[in-house]
Amino acid sequence: MDKIKAAEKGHTLDLSSGEDLSIAIMNLISLEEHMFFNANKTGKVKYFELLEEVRKMRVSLLKTIIKDYEGEVWCTSKHLLAASMRLFEVGTKAQTKGDTKTAYDMFHKSYDLYNLFWGINLGAVKDVGATLADAQFTKSDKPIQLKSDNLMGKLSGVIGKILDCCRE
């Protein structure tokens, strides 16, 4: 929690660059998926080769955000970004069709997963049962209340305060 408080005050972490980088990584994951489907739909091996190049770049960039990890944190982080990106895309497609209820639900879920990614990688989520669900917050540290007060809602509130791409 101290790491998050320091980051919230603008110390130690350049989160605007990290946030931009995480979005770029999301798009690289998408490119990997598209190269996979291109290769299989066209039968052209060159797309598998391009997939490998994109993957190498994604791995290298992800290492700049995920410096120390244990167990499955690396893969979990990658899949959190991928799922967040996909839910965002499903949301934009629903919004284009005029289905705002589904769109907003997908956007909310996408944002929660994105914030879970940052919560894990900023060290806020060490013991899910104790770290945030049972955390004692001072009045000024209380998370922004979204629609839910479960773990994801609390995490989104706290991480949402510090991830501000407009902060210079």
Protein backbone atom coordinates (compact mmCIF):
# COMPACT_ATOMS: atom_id res chain seq x y z
CA MET A 1 0.00 0.00 0.00
CA ASP A 2 2.94 2.34 0.67
CA LYS A 3 4.09 1.89 -2.92
CA ILE A 4 0.65 2.94 -4.17
CA LYS A 5 0.52 5.95 -1.83
CA ALA A 6 3.94 7.08 -3.07
CA ALA A 7 2.87 6.58 -6.67
CA GLU A 8 -0.35 8.49 -6.00
CA LYS A 9 1.73 11.47 -4.85
CA GLY A 10 3.80 11.33 -8.02
CA HIS A 11 6.86 9.64 -6.52
CA THR A 12 8.93 6.75 -7.90
CA LEU A 13 6.70 5.72 -10.79
CA ASP A 14 5.98 7.41 -14.10
CA LEU A 15 2.55 5.91 -14.45
CA SER A 16 1.54 7.94 -17.49
CA SER A 17 4.33 6.27 -19.47
CA GLY A 18 3.53 2.93 -17.87
CA GLU A 19 -0.12 3.36 -18.74
CA ASP A 20 0.72 4.19 -22.36
CA LEU A 21 3.08 1.23 -22.49
CA SER A 22 0.43 -1.12 -21.09
CA ILE A 23 -1.99 -0.02 -23.84
CA ALA A 24 0.74 -0.63 -26.44
CA ILE A 25 1.29 -4.10 -24.97
CA MET A 26 -2.45 -4.78 -25.22
CA ASN A 27 -2.26 -3.96 -28.91
CA LEU A 28 0.79 -6.17 -29.39
CA ILE A 29 -1.15 -9.06 -27.83
CA SER A 30 -3.93 -8.33 -30.32
CA LEU A 31 -1.41 -8.31 -33.16
CA GLU A 32 -0.14 -11.72 -32.05
CA GLU A 33 -3.71 -13.03 -32.23
CA HIS A 34 -4.27 -11.51 -35.67
CA MET A 35 -1.02 -12.97 -37.00
CA PHE A 36 -2.11 -16.39 -35.71
CA PHE A 37 -5.46 -16.14 -37.50
CA ASN A 38 -3.89 -14.69 -40.67
CA ALA A 39 -1.46 -17.61 -40.84
CA ASN A 40 -4.20 -20.16 -40.40
CA LYS A 41 -6.69 -18.50 -42.74
CA THR A 42 -4.17 -17.92 -45.54
CA GLY A 43 -1.85 -20.88 -44.97
CA LYS A 44 1.11 -18.48 -45.16
CA VAL A 45 3.94 -19.22 -42.74
CA LYS A 46 5.18 -15.62 -42.91
CA TYR A 47 2.41 -14.65 -40.48
CA PHE A 48 3.72 -17.13 -37.91
CA GLU A 49 7.16 -15.58 -38.36
CA LEU A 50 5.71 -12.09 -37.87
CA LEU A 51 3.85 -13.37 -34.81
CA GLU A 52 7.19 -14.43 -33.30
CA GLU A 53 8.70 -10.98 -33.92
CA VAL A 54 5.70 -9.23 -32.36
CA ARG A 55 5.82 -11.65 -29.41
CA LYS A 56 9.50 -10.87 -28.77
CA MET A 57 8.71 -7.17 -28.72
CA ARG A 58 5.75 -7.70 -26.39
CA VAL A 59 7.82 -9.80 -23.98
CA SER A 60 10.58 -7.20 -23.93
CA LEU A 61 8.16 -4.34 -23.24
CA LEU A 62 6.20 -6.28 -20.63
CA LYS A 63 9.46 -6.82 -18.73
CA THR A 64 9.73 -3.05 -18.26
CA ILE A 65 6.47 -3.07 -16.29
CA ILE A 66 6.67 -6.49 -14.64
CA LYS A 67 10.11 -6.45 -13.09
CA ASP A 68 9.74 -8.95 -10.24
CA TYR A 69 7.13 -11.65 -10.31
CA GLU A 70 6.33 -14.91 -8.66
CA GLY A 71 4.34 -17.93 -9.65
CA GLU A 72 1.88 -17.15 -12.42
CA VAL A 73 2.02 -13.34 -12.16
CA TRP A 74 3.66 -12.93 -15.59
CA CYS A 75 0.99 -14.93 -17.43
CA THR A 76 -1.79 -13.55 -15.27
CA SER A 77 -0.67 -10.02 -16.13
CA LYS A 78 -0.54 -10.76 -19.84
CA HIS A 79 -4.01 -12.30 -19.78
CA LEU A 80 -5.44 -9.44 -17.70
CA LEU A 81 -4.29 -6.99 -20.36
CA ALA A 82 -5.57 -9.20 -23.17
CA ALA A 83 -8.97 -9.70 -21.52
CA SER A 84 -9.25 -6.00 -20.73
CA MET A 85 -8.57 -5.12 -24.37
CA ARG A 86 -11.06 -7.68 -25.68
CA LEU A 87 -13.83 -6.56 -23.31
CA PHE A 88 -13.18 -2.97 -24.35
CA GLU A 89 -13.53 -3.99 -28.02
CA VAL A 90 -16.74 -5.92 -27.31
CA GLY A 91 -18.01 -2.81 -25.51
CA THR A 92 -17.24 -0.50 -28.43
CA LYS A 93 -18.97 -2.88 -30.85
CA ALA A 94 -22.04 -3.03 -28.58
CA GLN A 95 -22.02 0.76 -28.31
CA THR A 96 -21.86 1.09 -32.11
CA LYS A 97 -24.94 -1.16 -32.34
CA GLY A 98 -26.74 1.06 -29.82
CA ASP A 99 -26.62 -1.48 -27.00
CA THR A 100 -25.32 0.89 -24.34
CA LYS A 101 -26.26 -1.37 -21.43
CA THR A 102 -23.97 -4.14 -22.68
CA ALA A 103 -21.33 -1.60 -23.74
CA TYR A 104 -21.14 0.01 -20.30
CA ASP A 105 -21.04 -3.39 -18.61
CA MET A 106 -18.13 -4.45 -20.85
CA PHE A 107 -16.33 -1.13 -20.27
CA HIS A 108 -16.69 -1.52 -16.50
CA LYS A 109 -15.36 -5.08 -16.58
CA SER A 110 -12.52 -4.04 -18.87
CA TYR A 111 -11.55 -1.23 -16.49
CA ASP A 112 -11.68 -3.55 -13.48
CA LEU A 113 -9.35 -6.05 -15.15
CA TYR A 114 -6.99 -3.25 -16.22
CA ASN A 115 -6.85 -1.97 -12.66
CA LEU A 116 -6.30 -5.49 -11.34
CA PHE A 117 -3.27 -5.69 -13.66
CA TRP A 118 -1.86 -2.52 -12.08
CA GLY A 119 -2.84 -3.58 -8.58
CA ILE A 120 -0.87 -6.79 -8.95
CA ASN A 121 2.12 -5.12 -10.58
CA LEU A 122 2.30 -2.20 -8.16
CA GLY A 123 2.29 -4.65 -5.29
CA ALA A 124 -1.17 -3.71 -3.97
CA VAL A 125 -2.46 -7.26 -4.36
CA LYS A 126 -0.30 -9.65 -2.39
CA ASP A 127 -2.90 -11.59 -0.44
CA VAL A 128 -6.23 -10.97 -2.12
CA GLY A 129 -8.16 -12.00 0.98
CA ALA A 130 -6.34 -9.59 3.26
CA THR A 131 -4.77 -6.81 1.23
CA LEU A 132 -7.76 -4.96 -0.17
CA ALA A 133 -10.87 -6.79 0.90
CA ASP A 134 -9.97 -6.35 4.58
CA ALA A 135 -7.76 -3.27 4.25
CA GLN A 136 -8.27 -0.44 6.66
CA PHE A 137 -8.32 2.86 4.82
CA THR A 138 -8.04 6.29 6.35
CA LYS A 139 -10.72 8.73 5.24
CA SER A 140 -8.40 10.28 2.63
CA ASP A 141 -7.27 6.87 1.35
CA LYS A 142 -10.71 5.35 0.90
CA PRO A 143 -11.18 4.13 -2.65
CA ILE A 144 -13.57 5.90 -4.95
CA GLN A 145 -16.82 4.01 -4.75
CA LEU A 146 -17.93 2.69 -8.08
CA LYS A 147 -20.95 0.45 -8.35
CA SER A 148 -19.45 -2.29 -6.21
CA ASP A 149 -17.55 -2.50 -2.97
CA ASN A 150 -16.05 -5.90 -3.66
CA LEU A 151 -12.33 -6.45 -4.25
CA MET A 152 -12.45 -5.32 -7.88
CA GLY A 153 -14.40 -2.17 -7.04
CA LYS A 154 -12.00 -1.22 -4.25
CA LEU A 155 -8.97 -1.91 -6.41
CA SER A 156 -10.38 0.11 -9.30
CA GLY A 157 -10.98 3.02 -6.97
CA VAL A 158 -7.46 3.05 -5.57
CA ILE A 159 -5.67 2.37 -8.85
CA GLY A 160 -7.95 4.79 -10.68
CA LYS A 161 -6.69 7.58 -8.43
CA ILE A 162 -3.06 7.03 -9.37
CA LEU A 163 -3.39 6.12 -13.06
CA ASP A 164 -3.88 9.53 -14.54
CA CYS A 165 -2.44 9.79 -18.01
CA CYS A 166 -3.01 13.55 -17.93
CA ARG A 167 -0.79 14.12 -14.91
CA GLU A 168 2.43 15.81 -15.99
